[in-house]
Amino acid sequence: MPNKKSAIKALRQSTKKAIRNYKVKKAVKDAVKESKKFIEAKEKSAAEKVKAAIKLLDKAAIKKVIKKNSAARKKSRLMKKLNALVK
């Protein structure tokens, strides 16, 4: 346990940020999984699910919860699967 006042505050802040980041990451993972499931099932609403997942990926990248290139890679792979479904 930290002894100094500033270290106590830093611990408190890092704990809050970790919880917030975990929630964002979990939401992104769930959205990506759900959109993949809709693509594989060839549902008509797959495009909407992909759009929602891309929006969450962009927000997570802006907040620096995930890296910019990771978000771009995941978006690219989702769009690739969606475009293969359309063809």
PDB file of N, CA and C in Angstrom:
ATOM      1  N   MET A   1       0.838  -1.189   0.000  1.00  0.00           N
ATOM      2  CA  MET A   1       0.000   0.000   0.000  1.00  0.00           C
ATOM      3  C   MET A   1       0.879   1.247   0.000  1.00  0.00           C
ATOM      4  N   PRO A   2       0.445   2.251  -0.766  1.00  0.00           N
ATOM      5  CA  PRO A   2       1.211   3.495  -0.786  1.00  0.00           C
ATOM      6  C   PRO A   2       1.076   4.261   0.539  1.00  0.00           C
ATOM      7  N   ASN A   3       2.134   4.961   0.869  1.00  0.00           N
ATOM      8  CA  ASN A   3       2.157   5.726   2.118  1.00  0.00           C
ATOM      9  C   ASN A   3       1.893   7.212   1.895  1.00  0.00           C
ATOM     10  N   LYS A   4       2.425   7.740   0.795  1.00  0.00           N
ATOM     11  CA  LYS A   4       2.286   9.174   0.539  1.00  0.00           C
ATOM     12  C   LYS A   4       0.920   9.500  -0.038  1.00  0.00           C
ATOM     13  N   LYS A   5       0.501  10.719   0.216  1.00  0.00           N
ATOM     14  CA  LYS A   5      -0.813  11.175  -0.214  1.00  0.00           C
ATOM     15  C   LYS A   5      -0.948  11.123  -1.744  1.00  0.00           C
ATOM     16  N   SER A   6       0.100  11.543  -2.442  1.00  0.00           N
ATOM     17  CA  SER A   6       0.048  11.552  -3.907  1.00  0.00           C
ATOM     18  C   SER A   6       0.010  10.130  -4.468  1.00  0.00           C
ATOM     19  N   ALA A   7       0.691   9.215  -3.812  1.00  0.00           N
ATOM     20  CA  ALA A   7       0.694   7.825  -4.262  1.00  0.00           C
ATOM     21  C   ALA A   7      -0.669   7.171  -4.033  1.00  0.00           C
ATOM     22  N   ILE A   8      -1.317   7.552  -2.946  1.00  0.00           N
ATOM     23  CA  ILE A   8      -2.665   7.038  -2.663  1.00  0.00           C
ATOM     24  C   ILE A   8      -3.635   7.513  -3.742  1.00  0.00           C
ATOM     25  N   LYS A   9      -3.518   8.792  -4.089  1.00  0.00           N
ATOM     26  CA  LYS A   9      -4.384   9.347  -5.133  1.00  0.00           C
ATOM     27  C   LYS A   9      -4.093   8.692  -6.481  1.00  0.00           C
ATOM     28  N   ALA A  10      -2.822   8.479  -6.790  1.00  0.00           N
ATOM     29  CA  ALA A  10      -2.443   7.843  -8.056  1.00  0.00           C
ATOM     30  C   ALA A  10      -3.013   6.431  -8.142  1.00  0.00           C
ATOM     31  N   LEU A  11      -2.981   5.706  -7.047  1.00  0.00           N
ATOM     32  CA  LEU A  11      -3.546   4.354  -7.004  1.00  0.00           C
ATOM     33  C   LEU A  11      -5.052   4.397  -7.241  1.00  0.00           C
ATOM     34  N   ARG A  12      -5.706   5.350  -6.612  1.00  0.00           N
ATOM     35  CA  ARG A  12      -7.153   5.499  -6.766  1.00  0.00           C
ATOM     36  C   ARG A  12      -7.511   5.814  -8.217  1.00  0.00           C
ATOM     37  N   GLN A  13      -6.735   6.718  -8.826  1.00  0.00           N
ATOM     38  CA  GLN A  13      -6.994   7.101 -10.210  1.00  0.00           C
ATOM     39  C   GLN A  13      -6.742   5.944 -11.168  1.00  0.00           C
ATOM     40  N   SER A  14      -5.649   5.230 -10.960  1.00  0.00           N
ATOM     41  CA  SER A  14      -5.324   4.133 -11.871  1.00  0.00           C
ATOM     42  C   SER A  14      -6.347   3.008 -11.765  1.00  0.00           C
ATOM     43  N   THR A  15      -6.886   2.805 -10.585  1.00  0.00           N
ATOM     44  CA  THR A  15      -7.922   1.790 -10.408  1.00  0.00           C
ATOM     45  C   THR A  15      -9.184   2.173 -11.171  1.00  0.00           C
ATOM     46  N   LYS A  16      -9.581   3.439 -11.072  1.00  0.00           N
ATOM     47  CA  LYS A  16     -10.765   3.914 -11.796  1.00  0.00           C
ATOM     48  C   LYS A  16     -10.563   3.787 -13.303  1.00  0.00           C
ATOM     49  N   LYS A  17      -9.373   4.186 -13.773  1.00  0.00           N
ATOM     50  CA  LYS A  17      -9.089   4.121 -15.208  1.00  0.00           C
ATOM     51  C   LYS A  17      -9.080   2.682 -15.698  1.00  0.00           C
ATOM     52  N   ALA A  18      -8.546   1.777 -14.891  1.00  0.00           N
ATOM     53  CA  ALA A  18      -8.495   0.360 -15.270  1.00  0.00           C
ATOM     54  C   ALA A  18      -9.903  -0.202 -15.415  1.00  0.00           C
ATOM     55  N   ILE A  19     -10.778   0.166 -14.498  1.00  0.00           N
ATOM     56  CA  ILE A  19     -12.169  -0.300 -14.561  1.00  0.00           C
ATOM     57  C   ILE A  19     -12.853   0.261 -15.803  1.00  0.00           C
ATOM     58  N   ARG A  20     -12.651   1.542 -16.054  1.00  0.00           N
ATOM     59  CA  ARG A  20     -13.261   2.189 -17.224  1.00  0.00           C
ATOM     60  C   ARG A  20     -12.744   1.559 -18.514  1.00  0.00           C
ATOM     61  N   ASN A  21     -11.433   1.338 -18.588  1.00  0.00           N
ATOM     62  CA  ASN A  21     -10.836   0.740 -19.786  1.00  0.00           C
ATOM     63  C   ASN A  21     -11.351  -0.676 -19.994  1.00  0.00           C
ATOM     64  N   TYR A  22     -11.517  -1.418 -18.916  1.00  0.00           N
ATOM     65  CA  TYR A  22     -12.023  -2.782 -19.011  1.00  0.00           C
ATOM     66  C   TYR A  22     -13.431  -2.793 -19.597  1.00  0.00           C
ATOM     67  N   LYS A  23     -14.271  -1.870 -19.151  1.00  0.00           N
ATOM     68  CA  LYS A  23     -15.638  -1.800 -19.658  1.00  0.00           C
ATOM     69  C   LYS A  23     -15.658  -1.492 -21.147  1.00  0.00           C
ATOM     70  N   VAL A  24     -14.797  -0.572 -21.574  1.00  0.00           N
ATOM     71  CA  VAL A  24     -14.734  -0.202 -22.988  1.00  0.00           C
ATOM     72  C   VAL A  24     -14.236  -1.384 -23.811  1.00  0.00           C
ATOM     73  N   LYS A  25     -13.175  -2.044 -23.349  1.00  0.00           N
ATOM     74  CA  LYS A  25     -12.638  -3.202 -24.071  1.00  0.00           C
ATOM     75  C   LYS A  25     -13.674  -4.313 -24.181  1.00  0.00           C
ATOM     76  N   LYS A  26     -14.390  -4.553 -23.103  1.00  0.00           N
ATOM     77  CA  LYS A  26     -15.411  -5.598 -23.087  1.00  0.00           C
ATOM     78  C   LYS A  26     -16.525  -5.266 -24.072  1.00  0.00           C
ATOM     79  N   ALA A  27     -16.942  -4.012 -24.121  1.00  0.00           N
ATOM     80  CA  ALA A  27     -17.987  -3.598 -25.051  1.00  0.00           C
ATOM     81  C   ALA A  27     -17.533  -3.778 -26.501  1.00  0.00           C
ATOM     82  N   VAL A  28     -16.265  -3.443 -26.775  1.00  0.00           N
ATOM     83  CA  VAL A  28     -15.713  -3.593 -28.121  1.00  0.00           C
ATOM     84  C   VAL A  28     -15.677  -5.072 -28.507  1.00  0.00           C
ATOM     85  N   LYS A  29     -15.165  -5.902 -27.613  1.00  0.00           N
ATOM     86  CA  LYS A  29     -15.085  -7.335 -27.903  1.00  0.00           C
ATOM     87  C   LYS A  29     -16.463  -7.930 -28.163  1.00  0.00           C
ATOM     88  N   ASP A  30     -17.433  -7.568 -27.328  1.00  0.00           N
ATOM     89  CA  ASP A  30     -18.785  -8.088 -27.491  1.00  0.00           C
ATOM     90  C   ASP A  30     -19.392  -7.647 -28.825  1.00  0.00           C
ATOM     91  N   ALA A  31     -19.178  -6.394 -29.183  1.00  0.00           N
ATOM     92  CA  ALA A  31     -19.731  -5.869 -30.439  1.00  0.00           C
ATOM     93  C   ALA A  31     -19.107  -6.561 -31.644  1.00  0.00           C
ATOM     94  N   VAL A  32     -17.788  -6.781 -31.595  1.00  0.00           N
ATOM     95  CA  VAL A  32     -17.100  -7.438 -32.704  1.00  0.00           C
ATOM     96  C   VAL A  32     -17.577  -8.888 -32.826  1.00  0.00           C
ATOM     97  N   LYS A  33     -17.680  -9.581 -31.687  1.00  0.00           N
ATOM     98  CA  LYS A  33     -18.159 -10.965 -31.706  1.00  0.00           C
ATOM     99  C   LYS A  33     -19.578 -11.056 -32.261  1.00  0.00           C
ATOM    100  N   GLU A  34     -20.436 -10.144 -31.823  1.00  0.00           N
ATOM    101  CA  GLU A  34     -21.827 -10.157 -32.266  1.00  0.00           C
ATOM    102  C   GLU A  34     -21.922  -9.887 -33.760  1.00  0.00           C
ATOM    103  N   SER A  35     -21.130  -8.934 -34.257  1.00  0.00           N
ATOM    104  CA  SER A  35     -21.173  -8.624 -35.681  1.00  0.00           C
ATOM    105  C   SER A  35     -20.636  -9.793 -36.508  1.00  0.00           C
ATOM    106  N   LYS A  36     -19.603 -10.483 -36.017  1.00  0.00           N
ATOM    107  CA  LYS A  36     -19.092 -11.671 -36.721  1.00  0.00           C
ATOM    108  C   LYS A  36     -20.158 -12.759 -36.766  1.00  0.00           C
ATOM    109  N   LYS A  37     -20.889 -12.909 -35.659  1.00  0.00           N
ATOM    110  CA  LYS A  37     -21.943 -13.921 -35.588  1.00  0.00           C
ATOM    111  C   LYS A  37     -23.034 -13.615 -36.617  1.00  0.00           C
ATOM    112  N   PHE A  38     -23.400 -12.337 -36.752  1.00  0.00           N
ATOM    113  CA  PHE A  38     -24.421 -11.950 -37.708  1.00  0.00           C
ATOM    114  C   PHE A  38     -23.934 -12.132 -39.142  1.00  0.00           C
ATOM    115  N   ILE A  39     -22.644 -11.866 -39.375  1.00  0.00           N
ATOM    116  CA  ILE A  39     -22.081 -12.049 -40.720  1.00  0.00           C
ATOM    117  C   ILE A  39     -22.096 -13.529 -41.096  1.00  0.00           C
ATOM    118  N   GLU A  40     -21.674 -14.386 -40.165  1.00  0.00           N
ATOM    119  CA  GLU A  40     -21.632 -15.819 -40.443  1.00  0.00           C
ATOM    120  C   GLU A  40     -23.029 -16.401 -40.636  1.00  0.00           C
ATOM    121  N   ALA A  41     -24.022 -15.830 -39.957  1.00  0.00           N
ATOM    122  CA  ALA A  41     -25.399 -16.286 -40.106  1.00  0.00           C
ATOM    123  C   ALA A  41     -26.058 -15.671 -41.345  1.00  0.00           C
ATOM    124  N   LYS A  42     -25.349 -14.774 -42.013  1.00  0.00           N
ATOM    125  CA  LYS A  42     -25.828 -14.083 -43.215  1.00  0.00           C
ATOM    126  C   LYS A  42     -27.135 -13.333 -42.963  1.00  0.00           C
ATOM    127  N   GLU A  43     -27.172 -12.657 -41.838  1.00  0.00           N
ATOM    128  CA  GLU A  43     -28.334 -11.845 -41.473  1.00  0.00           C
ATOM    129  C   GLU A  43     -28.303 -10.529 -42.254  1.00  0.00           C
ATOM    130  N   LYS A  44     -29.467  -9.963 -42.476  1.00  0.00           N
ATOM    131  CA  LYS A  44     -29.541  -8.679 -43.185  1.00  0.00           C
ATOM    132  C   LYS A  44     -29.056  -7.528 -42.317  1.00  0.00           C
ATOM    133  N   SER A  45     -29.212  -7.671 -41.010  1.00  0.00           N
ATOM    134  CA  SER A  45     -28.817  -6.589 -40.104  1.00  0.00           C
ATOM    135  C   SER A  45     -27.329  -6.649 -39.726  1.00  0.00           C
ATOM    136  N   ALA A  46     -26.560  -7.467 -40.442  1.00  0.00           N
ATOM    137  CA  ALA A  46     -25.125  -7.583 -40.160  1.00  0.00           C
ATOM    138  C   ALA A  46     -24.410  -6.260 -40.381  1.00  0.00           C
ATOM    139  N   ALA A  47     -24.832  -5.519 -41.395  1.00  0.00           N
ATOM    140  CA  ALA A  47     -24.191  -4.232 -41.700  1.00  0.00           C
ATOM    141  C   ALA A  47     -24.367  -3.251 -40.548  1.00  0.00           C
ATOM    142  N   GLU A  48     -25.542  -3.263 -39.933  1.00  0.00           N
ATOM    143  CA  GLU A  48     -25.787  -2.365 -38.802  1.00  0.00           C
ATOM    144  C   GLU A  48     -24.915  -2.735 -37.609  1.00  0.00           C
ATOM    145  N   LYS A  49     -24.756  -4.042 -37.383  1.00  0.00           N
ATOM    146  CA  LYS A  49     -23.925  -4.508 -36.267  1.00  0.00           C
ATOM    147  C   LYS A  49     -22.462  -4.149 -36.502  1.00  0.00           C
ATOM    148  N   VAL A  50     -22.012  -4.293 -37.747  1.00  0.00           N
ATOM    149  CA  VAL A  50     -20.632  -3.932 -38.081  1.00  0.00           C
ATOM    150  C   VAL A  50     -20.420  -2.434 -37.892  1.00  0.00           C
ATOM    151  N   LYS A  51     -21.398  -1.652 -38.310  1.00  0.00           N
ATOM    152  CA  LYS A  51     -21.301  -0.190 -38.161  1.00  0.00           C
ATOM    153  C   LYS A  51     -21.188   0.198 -36.691  1.00  0.00           C
ATOM    154  N   ALA A  52     -21.981  -0.463 -35.844  1.00  0.00           N
ATOM    155  CA  ALA A  52     -21.930  -0.182 -34.406  1.00  0.00           C
ATOM    156  C   ALA A  52     -20.579  -0.591 -33.816  1.00  0.00           C
ATOM    157  N   ALA A  53     -20.053  -1.736 -34.266  1.00  0.00           N
ATOM    158  CA  ALA A  53     -18.755  -2.202 -33.774  1.00  0.00           C
ATOM    159  C   ALA A  53     -17.642  -1.249 -34.193  1.00  0.00           C
ATOM    160  N   ILE A  54     -17.710  -0.766 -35.418  1.00  0.00           N
ATOM    161  CA  ILE A  54     -16.698   0.171 -35.918  1.00  0.00           C
ATOM    162  C   ILE A  54     -16.743   1.472 -35.113  1.00  0.00           C
ATOM    163  N   LYS A  55     -17.940   1.904 -34.780  1.00  0.00           N
ATOM    164  CA  LYS A  55     -18.085   3.126 -33.979  1.00  0.00           C
ATOM    165  C   LYS A  55     -17.427   2.951 -32.606  1.00  0.00           C
ATOM    166  N   LEU A  56     -17.662   1.798 -31.978  1.00  0.00           N
ATOM    167  CA  LEU A  56     -17.042   1.527 -30.678  1.00  0.00           C
ATOM    168  C   LEU A  56     -15.525   1.422 -30.791  1.00  0.00           C
ATOM    169  N   LEU A  57     -15.043   0.799 -31.868  1.00  0.00           N
ATOM    170  CA  LEU A  57     -13.594   0.691 -32.080  1.00  0.00           C
ATOM    171  C   LEU A  57     -12.958   2.071 -32.217  1.00  0.00           C
ATOM    172  N   ASP A  58     -13.617   2.942 -32.986  1.00  0.00           N
ATOM    173  CA  ASP A  58     -13.096   4.303 -33.161  1.00  0.00           C
ATOM    174  C   ASP A  58     -13.056   5.061 -31.841  1.00  0.00           C
ATOM    175  N   LYS A  59     -14.120   4.934 -31.051  1.00  0.00           N
ATOM    176  CA  LYS A  59     -14.162   5.627 -29.763  1.00  0.00           C
ATOM    177  C   LYS A  59     -13.066   5.108 -28.827  1.00  0.00           C
ATOM    178  N   ALA A  60     -12.866   3.792 -28.830  1.00  0.00           N
ATOM    179  CA  ALA A  60     -11.833   3.206 -27.972  1.00  0.00           C
ATOM    180  C   ALA A  60     -10.448   3.665 -28.403  1.00  0.00           C
ATOM    181  N   ALA A  61     -10.237   3.803 -29.711  1.00  0.00           N
ATOM    182  CA  ALA A  61      -8.938   4.255 -30.214  1.00  0.00           C
ATOM    183  C   ALA A  61      -8.706   5.724 -29.860  1.00  0.00           C
ATOM    184  N   ILE A  62      -9.753   6.532 -29.933  1.00  0.00           N
ATOM    185  CA  ILE A  62      -9.624   7.954 -29.592  1.00  0.00           C
ATOM    186  C   ILE A  62      -9.299   8.119 -28.113  1.00  0.00           C
ATOM    187  N   LYS A  63      -9.935   7.293 -27.264  1.00  0.00           N
ATOM    188  CA  LYS A  63      -9.684   7.348 -25.825  1.00  0.00           C
ATOM    189  C   LYS A  63      -8.367   6.665 -25.444  1.00  0.00           C
ATOM    190  N   LYS A  64      -7.718   6.063 -26.427  1.00  0.00           N
ATOM    191  CA  LYS A  64      -6.445   5.353 -26.260  1.00  0.00           C
ATOM    192  C   LYS A  64      -6.572   4.146 -25.330  1.00  0.00           C
ATOM    193  N   VAL A  65      -7.756   3.527 -25.360  1.00  0.00           N
ATOM    194  CA  VAL A  65      -7.950   2.285 -24.628  1.00  0.00           C
ATOM    195  C   VAL A  65      -7.305   1.159 -25.414  1.00  0.00           C
ATOM    196  N   ILE A  66      -7.474   1.212 -26.748  1.00  0.00           N
ATOM    197  CA  ILE A  66      -6.750   0.300 -27.634  1.00  0.00           C
ATOM    198  C   ILE A  66      -5.947   1.152 -28.605  1.00  0.00           C
ATOM    199  N   LYS A  67      -4.935   0.548 -29.197  1.00  0.00           N
ATOM    200  CA  LYS A  67      -4.085   1.308 -30.108  1.00  0.00           C
ATOM    201  C   LYS A  67      -4.808   1.575 -31.423  1.00  0.00           C
ATOM    202  N   LYS A  68      -4.391   2.657 -32.066  1.00  0.00           N
ATOM    203  CA  LYS A  68      -5.018   3.107 -33.301  1.00  0.00           C
ATOM    204  C   LYS A  68      -4.942   2.033 -34.388  1.00  0.00           C
ATOM    205  N   ASN A  69      -3.770   1.407 -34.530  1.00  0.00           N
ATOM    206  CA  ASN A  69      -3.600   0.408 -35.568  1.00  0.00           C
ATOM    207  C   ASN A  69      -4.372  -0.869 -35.265  1.00  0.00           C
ATOM    208  N   SER A  70      -4.541  -1.194 -33.990  1.00  0.00           N
ATOM    209  CA  SER A  70      -5.349  -2.361 -33.620  1.00  0.00           C
ATOM    210  C   SER A  70      -6.795  -2.135 -34.037  1.00  0.00           C
ATOM    211  N   ALA A  71      -7.289  -0.945 -33.799  1.00  0.00           N
ATOM    212  CA  ALA A  71      -8.657  -0.609 -34.195  1.00  0.00           C
ATOM    213  C   ALA A  71      -8.795  -0.673 -35.712  1.00  0.00           C
ATOM    214  N   ALA A  72      -7.811  -0.141 -36.419  1.00  0.00           N
ATOM    215  CA  ALA A  72      -7.852  -0.141 -37.883  1.00  0.00           C
ATOM    216  C   ALA A  72      -7.829  -1.573 -38.421  1.00  0.00           C
ATOM    217  N   ARG A  73      -7.018  -2.410 -37.821  1.00  0.00           N
ATOM    218  CA  ARG A  73      -6.907  -3.809 -38.251  1.00  0.00           C
ATOM    219  C   ARG A  73      -8.236  -4.550 -38.039  1.00  0.00           C
ATOM    220  N   LYS A  74      -8.831  -4.341 -36.875  1.00  0.00           N
ATOM    221  CA  LYS A  74     -10.094  -5.017 -36.573  1.00  0.00           C
ATOM    222  C   LYS A  74     -11.214  -4.518 -37.478  1.00  0.00           C
ATOM    223  N   LYS A  75     -11.241  -3.212 -37.743  1.00  0.00           N
ATOM    224  CA  LYS A  75     -12.241  -2.649 -38.642  1.00  0.00           C
ATOM    225  C   LYS A  75     -12.076  -3.217 -40.051  1.00  0.00           C
ATOM    226  N   SER A  76     -10.833  -3.314 -40.494  1.00  0.00           N
ATOM    227  CA  SER A  76     -10.545  -3.822 -41.828  1.00  0.00           C
ATOM    228  C   SER A  76     -11.006  -5.265 -41.973  1.00  0.00           C
ATOM    229  N   ARG A  77     -10.743  -6.085 -40.980  1.00  0.00           N
ATOM    230  CA  ARG A  77     -11.127  -7.489 -41.035  1.00  0.00           C
ATOM    231  C   ARG A  77     -12.647  -7.653 -41.010  1.00  0.00           C
ATOM    232  N   LEU A  78     -13.314  -6.820 -40.215  1.00  0.00           N
ATOM    233  CA  LEU A  78     -14.777  -6.874 -40.187  1.00  0.00           C
ATOM    234  C   LEU A  78     -15.366  -6.494 -41.544  1.00  0.00           C
ATOM    235  N   MET A  79     -14.857  -5.431 -42.130  1.00  0.00           N
ATOM    236  CA  MET A  79     -15.368  -4.968 -43.414  1.00  0.00           C
ATOM    237  C   MET A  79     -15.077  -5.996 -44.516  1.00  0.00           C
ATOM    238  N   LYS A  80     -13.925  -6.639 -44.416  1.00  0.00           N
ATOM    239  CA  LYS A  80     -13.574  -7.665 -45.394  1.00  0.00           C
ATOM    240  C   LYS A  80     -14.585  -8.815 -45.359  1.00  0.00           C
ATOM    241  N   LYS A  81     -14.955  -9.237 -44.159  1.00  0.00           N
ATOM    242  CA  LYS A  81     -15.941 -10.317 -44.009  1.00  0.00           C
ATOM    243  C   LYS A  81     -17.318  -9.868 -44.485  1.00  0.00           C
ATOM    244  N   LEU A  82     -17.673  -8.636 -44.183  1.00  0.00           N
ATOM    245  CA  LEU A  82     -18.970  -8.113 -44.585  1.00  0.00           C
ATOM    246  C   LEU A  82     -19.045  -7.992 -46.105  1.00  0.00           C
ATOM    247  N   ASN A  83     -17.985  -7.523 -46.731  1.00  0.00           N
ATOM    248  CA  ASN A  83     -17.973  -7.377 -48.194  1.00  0.00           C
ATOM    249  C   ASN A  83     -18.003  -8.743 -48.878  1.00  0.00           C
ATOM    250  N   ALA A  84     -17.389  -9.744 -48.279  1.00  0.00           N
ATOM    251  CA  ALA A  84     -17.438 -11.099 -48.846  1.00  0.00           C
ATOM    252  C   ALA A  84     -18.859 -11.641 -48.769  1.00  0.00           C
ATOM    253  N   LEU A  85     -19.598 -11.237 -47.753  1.00  0.00           N
ATOM    254  CA  LEU A  85     -20.985 -11.662 -47.599  1.00  0.00           C
ATOM    255  C   LEU A  85     -21.852 -11.045 -48.693  1.00  0.00           C
ATOM    256  N   VAL A  86     -21.573  -9.797 -49.044  1.00  0.00           N
ATOM    257  CA  VAL A  86     -22.363  -9.074 -50.028  1.00  0.00           C
ATOM    258  C   VAL A  86     -22.164  -9.651 -51.424  1.00  0.00           C
ATOM    259  N   LYS A  87     -20.933 -10.068 -51.723  1.00  0.00           N
ATOM    260  CA  LYS A  87     -20.621 -10.588 -53.070  1.00  0.00           C
ATOM    261  C   LYS A  87     -21.229 -11.932 -53.322  1.00  0.00           C
TER     262      LYS A  87
END
